[in-house]
């Protein structure tokens, strides 16, 4: 691995003290020279103090100023490293080697963005495991705009739960925008147009999964729909999220038919809830502010300085 590019690791946190003992040690144990920055949005559980005790730098952002995109933009500029690794504290690396694998495509110029493989946490049930298996296969790839026909909407798939970004490439496209959620998807099309590529690094592995109740699932997909509705027609190269979603549901139902047929009714209902949430988000940009605030999974955005409504 080359040593010519500096690396910073950024953890975006809120009331995340319980995660620090699991997520920070593999980062610090990596032999790669790096700075580690914990960005905290006004926690009251001791996240800041514990992060400092474990050896991380800390940057505190008032909750009213927090934003998924804008806060990451602030953090990468604060560090000023050549490579900015974005992580969430509930993503636990399986070993310290994950960081070297993750940044390698940026070190050697293969890609301007790379993201890690996510596997479910131990003890996860089917509805936590299957999305990770579907979205994060065991074999990696490198994608550019020329592969649009092959990958469709999956071309811009990336997760900032564990992803590395070239700061110079981000500078070319204006960095992360202040958006409700899914900031990665707003940056990647601009990078592709500039000729950059993205690498999925299957050798870099973190444990990261969730089991949400149906209300949270609805709110999560509402937020995605709402954010993407504001991107403008054609922003994602004319690709429809629904195509990827249909593939996911079909693959899930086939697996359930073989392994857990009794869970099929719940899977169908859960999928319907997600789709309704997404479609509601797409149209809610035209409705009074009180409705998105009611349906969203994120309470802080609607009263933040970044809300454009």
Protein backbone atom coordinates (compact mmCIF):
# COMPACT_ATOMS: atom_id res chain seq x y z
CA UNK A 1 0.00 0.00 0.00
CA UNK A 2 1.19 3.45 -0.85
CA UNK A 3 1.73 5.95 1.94
CA UNK A 4 1.48 9.14 -0.09
CA UNK A 5 -2.15 9.92 0.75
CA UNK A 6 -3.28 10.91 4.23
CA UNK A 7 -6.32 9.20 5.75
CA UNK A 8 -8.95 10.46 8.15
CA UNK A 9 -11.73 8.35 9.66
CA UNK A 10 -14.93 10.19 10.58
CA UNK A 11 -17.64 8.73 12.82
CA UNK A 12 -20.97 10.56 12.84
CA UNK A 13 -22.57 10.01 16.26
CA UNK A 14 -25.52 10.88 18.47
CA UNK A 15 -25.94 9.11 21.81
CA UNK A 16 -23.54 6.42 20.61
CA UNK A 17 -21.43 5.77 23.69
CA UNK A 18 -22.52 2.12 23.79
CA UNK A 19 -21.06 1.56 20.31
CA UNK A 20 -17.65 3.14 20.81
CA UNK A 21 -16.08 0.13 22.54
CA UNK A 22 -16.85 -1.98 19.48
CA UNK A 23 -16.34 0.41 16.57
CA UNK A 24 -13.24 2.38 17.58
CA UNK A 25 -10.68 -0.34 18.53
CA UNK A 26 -10.41 -1.91 15.02
CA UNK A 27 -9.85 1.57 13.59
CA UNK A 28 -7.10 2.39 16.05
CA UNK A 29 -5.60 -1.10 15.65
CA UNK A 30 -5.17 -0.62 11.91
CA UNK A 31 -1.45 -0.25 11.07
CA UNK A 32 -2.43 2.47 8.61
CA UNK A 33 -1.50 5.95 9.77
CA UNK A 34 -4.72 7.96 10.21
CA UNK A 35 -6.59 10.58 12.16
CA UNK A 36 -9.83 9.57 13.87
CA UNK A 37 -12.56 12.15 14.34
CA UNK A 38 -15.79 11.54 16.26
CA UNK A 39 -18.43 14.08 15.24
CA UNK A 40 -21.14 14.35 17.83
CA UNK A 41 -24.49 16.11 17.55
CA UNK A 42 -25.17 17.19 21.13
CA UNK A 43 -25.32 13.81 22.87
CA UNK A 44 -26.04 13.59 26.55
CA UNK A 45 -24.84 10.05 27.16
CA UNK A 46 -21.10 10.62 27.46
CA UNK A 47 -20.24 9.90 23.82
CA UNK A 48 -17.83 12.84 23.64
CA UNK A 49 -16.02 12.00 26.86
CA UNK A 50 -15.63 8.30 26.03
CA UNK A 51 -14.42 9.05 22.50
CA UNK A 52 -11.72 11.31 23.92
CA UNK A 53 -10.72 8.67 26.49
CA UNK A 54 -10.30 6.14 23.68
CA UNK A 55 -8.04 8.54 21.78
CA UNK A 56 -10.27 10.11 19.14
CA UNK A 57 -10.45 13.75 18.16
CA UNK A 58 -13.91 15.22 18.74
CA UNK A 59 -15.99 17.80 16.91
CA UNK A 60 -19.34 18.80 18.43
CA UNK A 61 -22.15 20.01 16.17
CA UNK A 62 -25.31 21.47 17.76
CA UNK A 63 -28.32 19.30 17.02
CA UNK A 64 -30.06 22.16 15.21
CA UNK A 65 -27.11 22.37 12.81
CA UNK A 66 -26.74 18.63 12.19
CA UNK A 67 -27.38 17.26 8.71
CA UNK A 68 -26.35 13.98 7.09
CA UNK A 69 -24.64 15.69 4.19
CA UNK A 70 -23.62 19.06 5.60
CA UNK A 71 -22.10 17.59 8.77
CA UNK A 72 -19.99 15.13 6.78
CA UNK A 73 -18.91 18.01 4.58
CA UNK A 74 -17.89 19.99 7.66
CA UNK A 75 -15.99 17.00 9.06
CA UNK A 76 -13.99 16.20 5.93
CA UNK A 77 -12.93 19.82 5.60
CA UNK A 78 -12.06 19.92 9.30
CA UNK A 79 -9.63 17.03 8.88
CA UNK A 80 -8.32 18.04 5.47
CA UNK A 81 -6.89 14.60 4.72
CA UNK A 82 -6.55 13.26 1.19
CA UNK A 83 -9.00 10.45 1.96
CA UNK A 84 -12.05 10.77 4.22
CA UNK A 85 -13.49 7.51 5.52
CA UNK A 86 -17.11 7.95 6.63
CA UNK A 87 -18.51 5.56 9.21
CA UNK A 88 -21.44 5.20 11.55
CA UNK A 89 -20.73 3.94 15.07
CA UNK A 90 -22.95 0.87 14.73
CA UNK A 91 -20.73 -0.50 11.96
CA UNK A 92 -18.23 -2.81 13.67
CA UNK A 93 -15.23 -3.84 11.60
CA UNK A 94 -14.42 -7.55 11.73
CA UNK A 95 -10.71 -6.80 11.99
CA UNK A 96 -8.18 -3.97 11.75
CA UNK A 97 -7.27 -4.89 8.18
CA UNK A 98 -10.62 -3.52 6.96
CA UNK A 99 -9.26 0.02 6.69
CA UNK A 100 -6.31 -0.86 4.45
CA UNK A 101 -8.54 -2.85 2.13
CA UNK A 102 -11.10 -0.04 2.00
CA UNK A 103 -8.74 2.77 1.03
CA UNK A 104 -6.57 0.75 -1.37
CA UNK A 105 -8.58 1.68 -4.52
CA UNK A 106 -8.17 5.35 -3.63
CA UNK A 107 -4.49 4.93 -2.85
CA UNK A 108 -3.76 3.36 -6.23
CA UNK A 109 -6.13 5.56 -8.23
CA UNK A 110 -8.55 2.79 -9.24
CA UNK A 111 -11.52 4.70 -7.82
CA UNK A 112 -12.49 7.94 -6.09
CA UNK A 113 -14.97 6.21 -3.77
CA UNK A 114 -15.00 2.80 -2.14
CA UNK A 115 -17.37 1.11 0.26
CA UNK A 116 -17.13 -1.92 2.50
CA UNK A 117 -19.05 -5.15 2.58
CA UNK A 118 -21.68 -5.20 5.32
CA UNK A 119 -22.65 -8.43 7.03
CA UNK A 120 -25.34 -8.74 9.70
CA UNK A 121 -24.67 -8.56 13.39
CA UNK A 122 -24.49 -11.86 15.23
CA UNK A 123 -27.92 -13.20 16.08
CA UNK A 124 -29.62 -11.24 13.31
CA UNK A 125 -32.87 -12.67 11.93
CA UNK A 126 -33.81 -13.22 8.30
CA UNK A 127 -35.08 -9.68 7.73
CA UNK A 128 -31.77 -8.27 8.92
CA UNK A 129 -29.60 -10.81 7.10
CA UNK A 130 -31.18 -10.88 3.67
CA UNK A 131 -30.73 -7.20 2.75
CA UNK A 132 -27.03 -7.50 3.56
CA UNK A 133 -26.68 -10.65 1.47
CA UNK A 134 -28.53 -9.05 -1.46
CA UNK A 135 -26.71 -5.72 -1.43
CA UNK A 136 -23.24 -6.86 -0.36
CA UNK A 137 -22.11 -9.99 -2.22
CA UNK A 138 -18.87 -11.81 -1.52
CA UNK A 139 -17.19 -10.54 -4.70
CA UNK A 140 -16.32 -6.87 -5.19
CA UNK A 141 -16.46 -4.73 -8.31
CA UNK A 142 -15.39 -1.37 -9.76
CA UNK A 143 -18.06 0.68 -11.55
CA UNK A 144 -18.09 3.70 -13.82
CA UNK A 145 -20.69 5.48 -15.91
CA UNK A 146 -19.95 3.17 -18.81
CA UNK A 147 -21.52 0.33 -16.79
CA UNK A 148 -24.88 2.11 -16.41
CA UNK A 149 -26.70 -0.34 -18.69
CA UNK A 150 -25.34 -3.27 -16.69
CA UNK A 151 -25.98 -1.98 -13.17
CA UNK A 152 -28.96 0.37 -13.62
CA UNK A 153 -29.85 2.21 -10.41
CA UNK A 154 -27.36 0.01 -8.53
CA UNK A 155 -24.60 2.02 -10.18
CA UNK A 156 -25.00 4.73 -7.54
CA UNK A 157 -25.36 2.31 -4.63
CA UNK A 158 -23.03 3.12 -1.74
CA UNK A 159 -23.34 3.28 2.04
CA UNK A 160 -21.68 5.88 4.21
CA UNK A 161 -21.90 3.47 7.10
CA UNK A 162 -18.42 2.55 5.88
CA UNK A 163 -17.12 4.30 2.77
CA UNK A 164 -13.92 6.07 1.72
CA UNK A 165 -13.97 9.24 -0.37
CA UNK A 166 -11.28 11.14 -2.24
CA UNK A 167 -11.41 14.67 -0.88
CA UNK A 168 -10.09 16.14 -4.11
CA UNK A 169 -12.84 14.38 -6.08
CA UNK A 170 -15.45 15.65 -3.66
CA UNK A 171 -14.06 19.15 -4.07
CA UNK A 172 -14.55 18.85 -7.83
CA UNK A 173 -18.31 18.37 -7.41
CA UNK A 174 -18.96 20.68 -4.47
CA UNK A 175 -18.88 18.05 -1.73
CA UNK A 176 -21.80 16.57 0.17
CA UNK A 177 -25.01 18.59 -0.09
CA UNK A 178 -27.31 19.39 2.84
CA UNK A 179 -30.04 16.78 2.28
CA UNK A 180 -32.56 14.93 4.43
CA UNK A 181 -30.82 11.59 3.90
CA UNK A 182 -28.94 9.43 1.36
CA UNK A 183 -26.24 12.02 0.70
CA UNK A 184 -24.09 9.45 -1.14
CA UNK A 185 -26.59 9.15 -3.97
CA UNK A 186 -26.48 12.88 -4.62
CA UNK A 187 -22.71 12.97 -4.99
CA UNK A 188 -22.03 9.83 -7.01
CA UNK A 189 -23.77 10.89 -10.26
CA UNK A 190 -21.66 14.06 -10.31
CA UNK A 191 -18.50 12.03 -9.76
CA UNK A 192 -19.41 9.61 -12.55
CA UNK A 193 -19.95 12.49 -14.95
CA UNK A 194 -16.46 13.72 -14.07
CA UNK A 195 -15.08 10.32 -15.05
CA UNK A 196 -14.55 8.91 -11.56
CA UNK A 197 -15.29 5.33 -10.52
CA UNK A 198 -16.56 3.60 -7.39
CA UNK A 199 -15.17 0.38 -5.88
CA UNK A 200 -17.08 -2.13 -3.80
CA UNK A 201 -14.41 -3.74 -1.63
CA UNK A 202 -15.71 -7.10 -0.44
CA UNK A 203 -12.50 -7.79 1.53
CA UNK A 204 -13.26 -4.85 3.82
CA UNK A 205 -15.96 -6.19 6.14
CA UNK A 206 -18.07 -4.56 8.85
CA UNK A 207 -21.00 -5.88 10.82
CA UNK A 208 -23.96 -3.56 10.36
CA UNK A 209 -27.65 -4.43 10.34
CA UNK A 210 -30.95 -3.26 11.78
CA UNK A 211 -34.39 -4.70 12.50
CA UNK A 212 -36.86 -1.83 12.26
CA UNK A 213 -40.52 -1.88 13.18
CA UNK A 214 -42.95 -1.07 10.39
CA UNK A 215 -43.41 2.56 11.43
CA UNK A 216 -39.67 3.13 11.24
CA UNK A 217 -39.46 1.32 7.90
CA UNK A 218 -42.16 3.59 6.52
CA UNK A 219 -40.39 6.69 7.81
CA UNK A 220 -37.00 5.57 6.49
CA UNK A 221 -38.32 5.04 2.97
CA UNK A 222 -40.40 8.20 3.18
CA UNK A 223 -37.19 10.13 3.81
CA UNK A 224 -35.46 8.49 0.84
CA UNK A 225 -38.38 9.30 -1.43
CA UNK A 226 -38.60 12.87 -0.16
CA UNK A 227 -34.88 13.47 -0.63
CA UNK A 228 -34.76 12.00 -4.11
CA UNK A 229 -37.86 13.91 -5.23
CA UNK A 230 -35.88 17.08 -4.72
CA UNK A 231 -33.02 15.88 -6.92
CA UNK A 232 -34.77 16.76 -10.16
CA UNK A 233 -35.85 14.62 -13.09
CA UNK A 234 -33.02 12.73 -14.74
CA UNK A 235 -30.53 13.37 -11.94
CA UNK A 236 -29.98 9.62 -11.50
CA UNK A 237 -29.43 9.05 -15.24
CA UNK A 238 -33.09 8.19 -15.72
CA UNK A 239 -32.86 5.09 -13.53
CA UNK A 240 -35.81 4.12 -11.32
CA UNK A 241 -35.35 2.89 -7.76
CA UNK A 242 -38.41 0.71 -8.20
CA UNK A 243 -36.52 -1.62 -10.53
CA UNK A 244 -33.93 -2.48 -7.93
CA UNK A 245 -36.66 -2.73 -5.30
CA UNK A 246 -38.61 -5.22 -7.39
CA UNK A 247 -35.52 -7.38 -7.81
CA UNK A 248 -34.98 -7.31 -4.05
CA UNK A 249 -38.56 -8.32 -3.22
CA UNK A 250 -38.58 -11.12 -5.78
CA UNK A 251 -35.29 -12.53 -4.49
CA UNK A 252 -36.48 -12.28 -0.88
CA UNK A 253 -39.73 -14.10 -1.59
CA UNK A 254 -37.90 -16.89 -3.44
CA UNK A 255 -35.60 -17.35 -0.47
CA UNK A 256 -38.50 -17.33 1.98
CA UNK A 257 -40.40 -19.87 -0.09
CA UNK A 258 -37.47 -22.25 0.29
CA UNK A 259 -36.54 -21.51 3.88
CA UNK A 260 -39.34 -19.71 5.82
CA UNK A 261 -42.64 -19.86 3.93
CA UNK A 262 -44.62 -18.86 7.02
CA UNK A 263 -42.87 -15.45 6.94
CA UNK A 264 -44.05 -14.61 3.41
CA UNK A 265 -47.20 -12.68 4.48
CA UNK A 266 -45.14 -10.43 6.74
CA UNK A 267 -42.54 -9.94 4.01
CA UNK A 268 -45.21 -8.87 1.53
CA UNK A 269 -46.74 -6.46 4.04
CA UNK A 270 -43.32 -5.04 5.00
CA UNK A 271 -42.46 -4.50 1.33
CA UNK A 272 -45.77 -2.72 0.77
CA UNK A 273 -45.07 -0.44 3.74
CA UNK A 274 -41.64 0.46 2.35
CA UNK A 275 -43.02 1.18 -1.09
CA UNK A 276 -45.87 3.30 0.26
CA UNK A 277 -43.38 5.23 2.38
CA UNK A 278 -41.17 5.88 -0.64
CA UNK A 279 -44.07 6.98 -2.84
CA UNK A 280 -45.45 9.19 -0.07
CA UNK A 281 -42.07 10.86 0.25
CA UNK A 282 -41.92 11.51 -3.49
CA UNK A 283 -45.17 13.50 -3.42
CA UNK A 284 -44.86 15.07 0.04
CA UNK A 285 -42.54 17.78 -1.26
CA UNK A 286 -45.72 19.48 -2.50
CA UNK A 287 -47.59 19.23 0.80
CA UNK A 288 -47.57 21.50 3.88
CA UNK A 289 -44.55 21.08 6.16
CA UNK A 290 -46.53 19.47 8.98
CA UNK A 291 -47.11 16.33 6.87
CA UNK A 292 -43.46 15.46 6.12
CA UNK A 293 -42.60 16.19 9.74
CA UNK A 294 -45.28 13.71 10.80
CA UNK A 295 -44.24 10.94 8.42
CA UNK A 296 -40.45 11.29 8.51
CA UNK A 297 -38.17 9.06 10.56
CA UNK A 298 -35.96 12.06 11.38
CA UNK A 299 -37.31 14.64 13.77
CA UNK A 300 -34.28 16.96 13.86
CA UNK A 301 -34.16 17.85 10.17
CA UNK A 302 -37.44 19.76 10.02
CA UNK A 303 -36.40 22.30 12.64
CA UNK A 304 -32.75 22.47 11.60
CA UNK A 305 -31.04 25.31 9.79
CA UNK A 306 -30.75 23.04 6.75
CA UNK A 307 -34.47 22.49 6.17
CA UNK A 308 -35.43 24.37 3.01
CA UNK A 309 -39.19 24.35 3.66
